[in-house]
C-alpha atoms as a PDB file:
ATOM      1  CA  MET A   1      -1.834 -11.227   4.758  1.00  0.00           C
ATOM      2  CA  ARG A   2      -1.824 -14.894   3.575  1.00  0.00           C
ATOM      3  CA  ASP A   3       1.223 -16.949   3.131  1.00  0.00           C
ATOM      4  CA  LEU A   4       3.979 -14.666   1.598  1.00  0.00           C
ATOM      5  CA  GLN A   5       5.086 -17.219  -0.942  1.00  0.00           C
ATOM      6  CA  SER A   6       1.773 -16.929  -2.500  1.00  0.00           C
ATOM      7  CA  LEU A   7       2.532 -13.394  -3.481  1.00  0.00           C
ATOM      8  CA  GLY A   8       4.597 -15.106  -6.319  1.00  0.00           C
ATOM      9  CA  PRO A   9       6.415 -12.446  -8.177  1.00  0.00           C
ATOM     10  CA  PRO A  10       8.686 -10.948  -5.687  1.00  0.00           C
ATOM     11  CA  TYR A  11      10.081 -14.528  -4.864  1.00  0.00           C
ATOM     12  CA  GLU A  12      10.583 -15.465  -8.569  1.00  0.00           C
ATOM     13  CA  GLU A  13      14.207 -15.953  -9.462  1.00  0.00           C
ATOM     14  CA  GLY A  14      15.881 -13.207 -11.788  1.00  0.00           C
ATOM     15  CA  ALA A  15      13.940 -10.007 -10.730  1.00  0.00           C
ATOM     16  CA  ASP A  16      16.408  -7.149 -10.535  1.00  0.00           C
ATOM     17  CA  ARG A  17      16.541  -4.506  -7.674  1.00  0.00           C
ATOM     18  CA  ASN A  18      14.706  -2.202  -9.715  1.00  0.00           C
ATOM     19  CA  ALA A  19      11.792  -4.785 -10.191  1.00  0.00           C
ATOM     20  CA  VAL A  20      11.840  -5.591  -6.481  1.00  0.00           C
ATOM     21  CA  ASP A  21      11.611  -1.998  -5.612  1.00  0.00           C
ATOM     22  CA  ARG A  22       8.530  -1.560  -8.156  1.00  0.00           C
ATOM     23  CA  MET A  23       6.835  -4.722  -6.698  1.00  0.00           C
ATOM     24  CA  LEU A  24       7.254  -3.481  -3.046  1.00  0.00           C
ATOM     25  CA  LEU A  25       5.541  -0.099  -3.883  1.00  0.00           C
ATOM     26  CA  ALA A  26       2.816  -2.062  -5.763  1.00  0.00           C
ATOM     27  CA  LEU A  27       2.217  -3.961  -2.642  1.00  0.00           C
ATOM     28  CA  ALA A  28       2.334  -0.521  -0.748  1.00  0.00           C
ATOM     29  CA  VAL A  29      -0.527   1.086  -3.095  1.00  0.00           C
ATOM     30  CA  HIS A  30      -2.583  -2.091  -3.404  1.00  0.00           C
ATOM     31  CA  PRO A  31      -5.902  -2.553  -1.229  1.00  0.00           C
ATOM     32  CA  VAL A  32      -4.578  -5.945  -0.045  1.00  0.00           C
ATOM     33  CA  GLY A  33      -1.475  -4.406   0.932  1.00  0.00           C
ATOM     34  CA  ALA A  34      -0.775  -1.189   2.792  1.00  0.00           C
ATOM     35  CA  ALA A  35      -3.729   0.637   0.777  1.00  0.00           C
ATOM     36  CA  LEU A  36      -1.553   3.799   0.311  1.00  0.00           C
ATOM     37  CA  LEU A  37      -2.839   6.506  -2.165  1.00  0.00           C
ATOM     38  CA  ARG A  38       0.590   6.960  -3.505  1.00  0.00           C
ATOM     39  CA  ALA A  39       3.888   5.733  -2.256  1.00  0.00           C
ATOM     40  CA  HIS A  40       7.400   7.171  -2.456  1.00  0.00           C
ATOM     41  CA  LEU A  41      10.657   5.138  -2.096  1.00  0.00           C
ATOM     42  CA  LEU A  42      13.779   6.671  -0.640  1.00  0.00           C
ATOM     43  CA  VAL A  43      16.701   4.446  -0.920  1.00  0.00           C
ATOM     44  CA  TRP A  44      19.692   4.652   1.486  1.00  0.00           C
ATOM     45  CA  ALA A  45      23.088   5.489  -0.158  1.00  0.00           C
ATOM     46  CA  PRO A  46      25.675   4.515   2.231  1.00  0.00           C
ATOM     47  CA  ASP A  47      28.682   6.038   0.233  1.00  0.00           C
ATOM     48  CA  ARG A  48      26.850   9.512   0.649  1.00  0.00           C
ATOM     49  CA  GLY A  49      25.410   9.208   3.941  1.00  0.00           C
ATOM     50  CA  ARG A  50      21.925  10.070   2.940  1.00  0.00           C
ATOM     51  CA  LEU A  51      18.556   8.937   1.531  1.00  0.00           C
ATOM     52  CA  GLU A  52      17.951   9.558  -2.164  1.00  0.00           C
ATOM     53  CA  GLY A  53      14.566  10.007  -3.630  1.00  0.00           C
ATOM     54  CA  TRP A  54      13.990   7.054  -5.961  1.00  0.00           C
ATOM     55  CA  LEU A  55      10.616   6.209  -7.351  1.00  0.00           C
ATOM     56  CA  SER A  56       7.065   7.300  -6.805  1.00  0.00           C
ATOM     57  CA  TRP A  57       4.212   4.978  -7.431  1.00  0.00           C
ATOM     58  CA  VAL A  58       0.392   5.418  -7.795  1.00  0.00           C
ATOM     59  CA  PRO A  59      -2.178   2.477  -7.884  1.00  0.00           C
ATOM     60  CA  PRO A  60      -2.763   1.342 -11.255  1.00  0.00           C
ATOM     61  CA  ALA A  61      -6.147   0.092 -12.598  1.00  0.00           C
ATOM     62  CA  ARG A  62      -7.868  -2.408 -10.064  1.00  0.00           C
ATOM     63  CA  ALA A  63      -6.242  -5.793 -10.400  1.00  0.00           C
ATOM     64  CA  PRO A  64      -5.777  -8.845  -8.313  1.00  0.00           C
ATOM     65  CA  LEU A  65      -2.434  -8.680  -6.072  1.00  0.00           C
ATOM     66  CA  ALA A  66      -0.619 -11.348  -8.099  1.00  0.00           C
ATOM     67  CA  ASP A  67      -1.374  -9.261 -11.381  1.00  0.00           C
ATOM     68  CA  ALA A  68      -0.468  -5.893  -9.872  1.00  0.00           C
ATOM     69  CA  LEU A  69       2.971  -7.532  -8.668  1.00  0.00           C
ATOM     70  CA  ARG A  70       3.805  -9.238 -11.938  1.00  0.00           C
ATOM     71  CA  ASN A  71       2.995  -6.064 -13.903  1.00  0.00           C
ATOM     72  CA  ALA A  72       5.249  -3.981 -11.501  1.00  0.00           C
ATOM     73  CA  ARG A  73       7.860  -6.721 -12.039  1.00  0.00           C
ATOM     74  CA  ARG A  74       7.692  -6.280 -15.876  1.00  0.00           C
ATOM     75  CA  THR A  75       7.513  -2.736 -16.524  1.00  0.00           C
ATOM     76  CA  ALA A  76       8.448   0.483 -14.829  1.00  0.00           C
ATOM     77  CA  SER A  77       5.826   2.444 -16.378  1.00  0.00           C
ATOM     78  CA  ALA A  78       2.864   0.532 -15.180  1.00  0.00           C
ATOM     79  CA  ALA A  79       2.104   2.858 -12.324  1.00  0.00           C
ATOM     80  CA  THR A  80       5.230   5.105 -11.984  1.00  0.00           C
ATOM     81  CA  ASP A  81       4.149   8.630 -10.952  1.00  0.00           C
ATOM     82  CA  VAL A  82       6.407  10.513 -13.297  1.00  0.00           C
ATOM     83  CA  GLU A  83       6.069  14.023 -11.724  1.00  0.00           C
ATOM     84  CA  GLY A  84       6.340  12.720  -8.100  1.00  0.00           C
ATOM     85  CA  THR A  85       9.327  10.803  -9.197  1.00  0.00           C
ATOM     86  CA  ARG A  86      10.988  13.976 -10.556  1.00  0.00           C
ATOM     87  CA  ARG A  87      10.142  16.115  -7.587  1.00  0.00           C
ATOM     88  CA  LEU A  88      11.410  13.286  -5.313  1.00  0.00           C
ATOM     89  CA  ARG A  89      14.638  12.978  -6.967  1.00  0.00           C
ATOM     90  CA  GLU A  90      15.508  16.672  -6.905  1.00  0.00           C
ATOM     91  CA  LEU A  91      15.166  16.720  -3.109  1.00  0.00           C
ATOM     92  CA  PRO A  92      18.051  16.011  -0.440  1.00  0.00           C
ATOM     93  CA  PHE A  93      17.265  13.720   2.331  1.00  0.00           C
ATOM     94  CA  ASP A  94      19.985  14.026   4.851  1.00  0.00           C
ATOM     95  CA  PRO A  95      19.083  12.053   8.044  1.00  0.00           C
ATOM     96  CA  ALA A  96      20.245  14.929  10.076  1.00  0.00           C
ATOM     97  CA  THR A  97      17.545  17.198   8.579  1.00  0.00           C
ATOM     98  CA  LEU A  98      14.731  14.981   7.703  1.00  0.00           C
ATOM     99  CA  GLU A  99      11.113  15.933   8.602  1.00  0.00           C
ATOM    100  CA  PRO A 100      10.417  14.718  12.119  1.00  0.00           C
ATOM    101  CA  LEU A 101       8.149  11.985  11.363  1.00  0.00           C
ATOM    102  CA  LEU A 102      10.613  10.728   8.739  1.00  0.00           C
ATOM    103  CA  ALA A 103      13.419  11.071  11.109  1.00  0.00           C
ATOM    104  CA  ARG A 104      11.570   9.023  13.942  1.00  0.00           C
ATOM    105  CA  VAL A 105      11.020   6.386  11.624  1.00  0.00           C
ATOM    106  CA  TRP A 106      14.335   6.033  10.263  1.00  0.00           C
ATOM    107  CA  ASP A 107      15.954   6.082  13.955  1.00  0.00           C
ATOM    108  CA  SER A 108      13.576   3.551  15.395  1.00  0.00           C
ATOM    109  CA  GLY A 109      12.398   1.196  12.799  1.00  0.00           C
ATOM    110  CA  GLU A 110       8.750   1.485  13.703  1.00  0.00           C
ATOM    111  CA  PRO A 111       6.185   2.494  11.241  1.00  0.00           C
ATOM    112  CA  GLU A 112       4.287   5.789  12.062  1.00  0.00           C
ATOM    113  CA  THR A 113       1.549   7.656  10.554  1.00  0.00           C
ATOM    114  CA  GLY A 114       1.034  11.519  10.925  1.00  0.00           C
ATOM    115  CA  MET A 115       0.566  14.935   9.141  1.00  0.00           C
ATOM    116  CA  PRO A 116       2.957  15.878   6.527  1.00  0.00           C
ATOM    117  CA  ASP A 117       5.213  18.650   7.096  1.00  0.00           C
ATOM    118  CA  GLY A 118       4.750  21.684   4.362  1.00  0.00           C
ATOM    119  CA  GLY A 119       7.962  21.732   2.383  1.00  0.00           C
ATOM    120  CA  SER A 120       8.106  20.531  -1.255  1.00  0.00           C
ATOM    121  CA  ALA A 121       8.129  16.802  -0.981  1.00  0.00           C
ATOM    122  CA  PRO A 122       5.617  15.034  -3.138  1.00  0.00           C
ATOM    123  CA  TRP A 123       3.292  13.924  -0.263  1.00  0.00           C
ATOM    124  CA  SER A 124       3.139  17.427   1.390  1.00  0.00           C
ATOM    125  CA  GLY A 125      -0.323  17.967   0.249  1.00  0.00           C
ATOM    126  CA  ALA A 126      -1.538  14.865   1.715  1.00  0.00           C
ATOM    127  CA  ALA A 127      -4.276  14.307   4.448  1.00  0.00           C
ATOM    128  CA  ARG A 128      -1.902  11.974   6.249  1.00  0.00           C
ATOM    129  CA  VAL A 129       1.331  10.030   5.576  1.00  0.00           C
ATOM    130  CA  GLY A 130       2.556   6.775   6.750  1.00  0.00           C
ATOM    131  CA  VAL A 131       6.171   5.966   6.946  1.00  0.00           C
ATOM    132  CA  VAL A 132       7.970   2.446   6.833  1.00  0.00           C
ATOM    133  CA  ARG A 133      11.785   1.988   7.169  1.00  0.00           C
ATOM    134  CA  LEU A 134      13.055  -0.812   5.006  1.00  0.00           C
ATOM    135  CA  VAL A 135      15.856  -3.231   6.014  1.00  0.00           C
ATOM    136  CA  ARG A 136      17.831  -5.594   3.842  1.00  0.00           C
ATOM    137  CA  SER A 137      20.092  -8.227   5.175  1.00  0.00           C
ATOM    138  CA  GLY A 138      20.144  -6.373   8.653  1.00  0.00           C
ATOM    139  CA  ARG A 139      21.073  -2.958   6.822  1.00  0.00           C
ATOM    140  CA  PRO A 140      19.027   0.214   6.160  1.00  0.00           C
ATOM    141  CA  TYR A 141      17.738   0.101   2.800  1.00  0.00           C
ATOM    142  CA  GLY A 142      15.388   2.878   2.771  1.00  0.00           C
ATOM    143  CA  LEU A 143      11.937   4.460   3.671  1.00  0.00           C
ATOM    144  CA  VAL A 144       8.469   4.180   2.043  1.00  0.00           C
ATOM    145  CA  VAL A 145       6.652   7.344   2.621  1.00  0.00           C
ATOM    146  CA  GLY A 146       3.060   6.892   1.678  1.00  0.00           C
ATOM    147  CA  GLU A 147      -0.209   9.011   1.604  1.00  0.00           C
ATOM    148  CA  PHE A 148      -3.306   7.983   3.190  1.00  0.00           C
ATOM    149  CA  ALA A 149      -7.005   9.447   2.955  1.00  0.00           C
ATOM    150  CA  ALA A 150      -8.058  11.312   6.012  1.00  0.00           C
ATOM    151  CA  GLY A 151      -9.660   9.106   8.753  1.00  0.00           C
ATOM    152  CA  GLY A 152      -8.202   5.745   7.837  1.00  0.00           C
ATOM    153  CA  ARG A 153      -8.422   2.789   9.992  1.00  0.00           C
ATOM    154  CA  GLY A 154      -5.698   0.236  10.652  1.00  0.00           C
ATOM    155  CA  GLU A 155      -3.023   2.084   9.030  1.00  0.00           C
ATOM    156  CA  GLU A 156      -0.308   1.064  11.510  1.00  0.00           C
ATOM    157  CA  ALA A 157      -1.175  -2.440  11.239  1.00  0.00           C
ATOM    158  CA  ARG A 158      -0.806  -2.097   7.299  1.00  0.00           C
ATOM    159  CA  LEU A 159       2.392  -0.238   7.475  1.00  0.00           C
ATOM    160  CA  ALA A 160       3.955  -3.042   9.881  1.00  0.00           C
ATOM    161  CA  MET A 161       2.660  -5.667   7.251  1.00  0.00           C
ATOM    162  CA  LEU A 162       4.461  -3.831   4.610  1.00  0.00           C
ATOM    163  CA  ARG A 163       7.542  -3.581   6.742  1.00  0.00           C
ATOM    164  CA  ASP A 164       7.574  -7.311   7.409  1.00  0.00           C
ATOM    165  CA  VAL A 165       6.832  -8.502   3.998  1.00  0.00           C
ATOM    166  CA  ALA A 166       9.290  -6.102   2.389  1.00  0.00           C
ATOM    167  CA  GLY A 167      11.997  -7.229   4.908  1.00  0.00           C
ATOM    168  CA  THR A 168      11.280 -10.698   3.772  1.00  0.00           C
ATOM    169  CA  VAL A 169      11.175  -9.881   0.247  1.00  0.00           C
ATOM    170  CA  LEU A 170      14.595  -8.040   0.208  1.00  0.00           C
ATOM    171  CA  ASP A 171      16.465 -10.616   2.268  1.00  0.00           C
ATOM    172  CA  ALA A 172      15.392 -13.320  -0.329  1.00  0.00           C
ATOM    173  CA  HIS A 173      16.621 -10.901  -3.060  1.00  0.00           C
ATOM    174  CA  ALA A 174      19.741 -10.454  -1.176  1.00  0.00           C
ATOM    175  CA  ARG A 175      20.408 -14.031  -0.894  1.00  0.00           C
ATOM    176  CA  THR A 176      19.500 -14.835  -4.541  1.00  0.00           C
ATOM    177  CA  GLU A 177      21.900 -12.093  -5.683  1.00  0.00           C
ATOM    178  CA  SER A 178      24.760 -13.345  -3.268  1.00  0.00           C
ATOM    179  CA  CYS A 179      24.217 -16.847  -4.816  1.00  0.00           C
ATOM    180  CA  ARG A 180      24.133 -15.704  -8.412  1.00  0.00           C
ATOM    181  CA  ARG A 181      27.336 -13.924  -7.729  1.00  0.00           C
ATOM    182  CA  GLY A 182      28.856 -16.904  -6.256  1.00  0.00           C
ATOM    183  CA  ARG A 183      27.996 -18.948  -9.269  1.00  0.00           C
ATOM    184  CA  GLU A 184      29.545 -16.440 -11.787  1.00  0.00           C
ATOM    185  CA  ARG A 185      32.784 -16.775  -9.950  1.00  0.00           C
ATOM    186  CA  VAL A 186      33.009 -20.534 -10.172  1.00  0.00           C
END
């Protein structure tokens, strides 16, 4: 992927956490990004000791990456998969009972692809899934579970790119938030 700063919107000041999450999912489904058919974000809730279903995203109309990111930053409705999000939020995601593929990625931090387990997760009917663990400031942030078409190529490399870019974006957002809170105290 080209220079990360050229992504623009994820690095522009003032994005809230929800906007950052949407932009990461927009990158996950964009053909220049991870090229997922759908992406689902599970966010770590340390106070509850579990992952929580947060948001499902589908590719919007074809647009350059910068436009897709800008649209995701501005509005939640641009590409939200409403039904997928509803299903995702209803499910428990205890690390001790995660489906095996998700558990391996959660434990190792290395992206993987594989066949989805049956179950009731929004991705259960996909041909293949890819999973990426997200980290923010050295701490677990969540998982992106994405759906791939059958017979894809370069899936692991795309997922590794998503992990790396997401980590950089999440770290930059954490630093910005920390600086903002510091200014508010003065």
